[in-house]
Amino acid sequence: MTIRLVTGTAGSAEGTAPGIPPHERCRYRTAAHHARRLYPGCVGELLHRELVAYADFGYRFDREALVPRLADEVLACPARPADEHQPGA
């Protein structure tokens, strides 16, 4: 096995994945924060992390467009009032 080292300054290599427009990035981040409110606990945290990672890294890892469909689904759900998902409310 051969290890190939690449010389140059950090950030000089350009990725081949298309960038996400700023308004779409904002939409994924909004869906991430909304997911935390909809699903408290581990599920909401997982959804939040996936949506934020997609906003940061884009289309590189999502070949089936699952994350955009997830964002649509999360954003379509109405937010529950804060007192509704608190114990004893």
Protein backbone atom coordinates (compact mmCIF):
# COMPACT_ATOMS: atom_id res chain seq x y z
CA MET A 1 0.00 0.00 0.00
CA THR A 2 1.31 3.45 -0.88
CA ILE A 3 0.45 6.57 1.06
CA ARG A 4 0.35 9.66 -1.10
CA LEU A 5 0.95 12.98 0.62
CA VAL A 6 -0.50 16.11 -0.89
CA THR A 7 1.40 19.32 -0.42
CA GLY A 8 -0.10 22.77 -0.36
CA THR A 9 -1.88 25.08 1.99
CA ALA A 10 -4.94 24.08 3.93
CA GLY A 11 -8.12 24.75 2.02
CA SER A 12 -6.40 24.84 -1.36
CA ALA A 13 -8.09 21.67 -2.60
CA GLU A 14 -11.50 22.22 -4.09
CA GLY A 15 -14.28 19.70 -3.57
CA THR A 16 -16.29 18.38 -6.47
CA ALA A 17 -19.64 18.42 -4.68
CA PRO A 18 -21.96 21.26 -5.64
CA GLY A 19 -22.41 23.85 -2.91
CA ILE A 20 -25.72 24.44 -1.19
CA PRO A 21 -27.17 27.93 -1.71
CA PRO A 22 -27.30 30.01 1.50
CA HIS A 23 -31.12 30.00 1.66
CA GLU A 24 -31.13 26.18 1.53
CA ARG A 25 -28.45 25.97 4.22
CA CYS A 26 -30.63 28.18 6.41
CA ARG A 27 -33.63 25.92 5.73
CA TYR A 28 -31.73 22.81 6.90
CA ARG A 29 -30.55 24.58 10.05
CA THR A 30 -34.11 25.74 10.76
CA ALA A 31 -35.34 22.15 10.32
CA ALA A 32 -32.58 20.98 12.68
CA HIS A 33 -33.70 23.32 15.46
CA HIS A 34 -37.35 22.47 14.83
CA ALA A 35 -36.55 18.73 15.09
CA ARG A 36 -35.16 19.26 18.60
CA ARG A 37 -38.42 20.89 19.67
CA LEU A 38 -40.56 18.19 18.05
CA TYR A 39 -38.60 15.21 19.35
CA PRO A 40 -36.98 15.83 22.73
CA GLY A 41 -34.17 13.49 23.73
CA CYS A 42 -31.89 11.32 21.63
CA VAL A 43 -34.10 11.21 18.53
CA GLY A 44 -34.28 14.98 18.29
CA GLU A 45 -30.54 15.28 18.89
CA LEU A 46 -29.79 12.76 16.12
CA LEU A 47 -32.09 14.54 13.66
CA HIS A 48 -30.53 17.87 14.63
CA ARG A 49 -26.99 16.60 14.03
CA GLU A 50 -27.84 15.04 10.67
CA LEU A 51 -29.55 18.17 9.39
CA VAL A 52 -26.74 20.47 10.57
CA ALA A 53 -24.10 18.18 9.03
CA TYR A 54 -26.00 18.27 5.75
CA ALA A 55 -26.12 22.06 5.90
CA ASP A 56 -22.35 22.11 6.51
CA PHE A 57 -21.20 19.41 4.08
CA GLY A 58 -23.93 19.35 1.49
CA TYR A 59 -24.67 16.69 -1.05
CA ARG A 60 -21.46 14.70 -0.65
CA PHE A 61 -22.89 11.87 1.43
CA ASP A 62 -26.57 11.80 0.49
CA ARG A 63 -27.14 9.95 -2.77
CA GLU A 64 -30.87 9.31 -2.25
CA ALA A 65 -31.99 12.80 -1.13
CA LEU A 66 -33.11 11.45 2.24
CA VAL A 67 -32.06 14.53 4.20
CA PRO A 68 -34.00 17.02 2.01
CA ARG A 69 -37.09 14.81 2.44
CA LEU A 70 -36.44 14.71 6.19
CA ALA A 71 -36.21 18.51 6.31
CA ASP A 72 -39.53 18.80 4.43
CA GLU A 73 -41.20 16.39 6.85
CA VAL A 74 -39.85 18.08 9.99
CA LEU A 75 -40.77 21.55 8.78
CA ALA A 76 -44.31 20.37 7.90
CA CYS A 77 -44.98 19.36 11.53
CA PRO A 78 -46.50 22.06 13.73
CA ALA A 79 -44.51 22.87 16.85
CA ARG A 80 -46.01 21.72 20.12
CA PRO A 81 -46.37 24.32 22.85
CA ALA A 82 -43.48 24.21 25.34
CA ASP A 83 -45.69 23.12 28.27
CA GLU A 84 -47.18 20.20 26.33
CA HIS A 85 -44.05 18.04 26.34
CA GLN A 86 -43.01 18.73 29.91
CA PRO A 87 -43.68 16.04 32.53
CA GLY A 88 -46.70 16.72 34.68
CA ALA A 89 -48.20 19.33 32.35
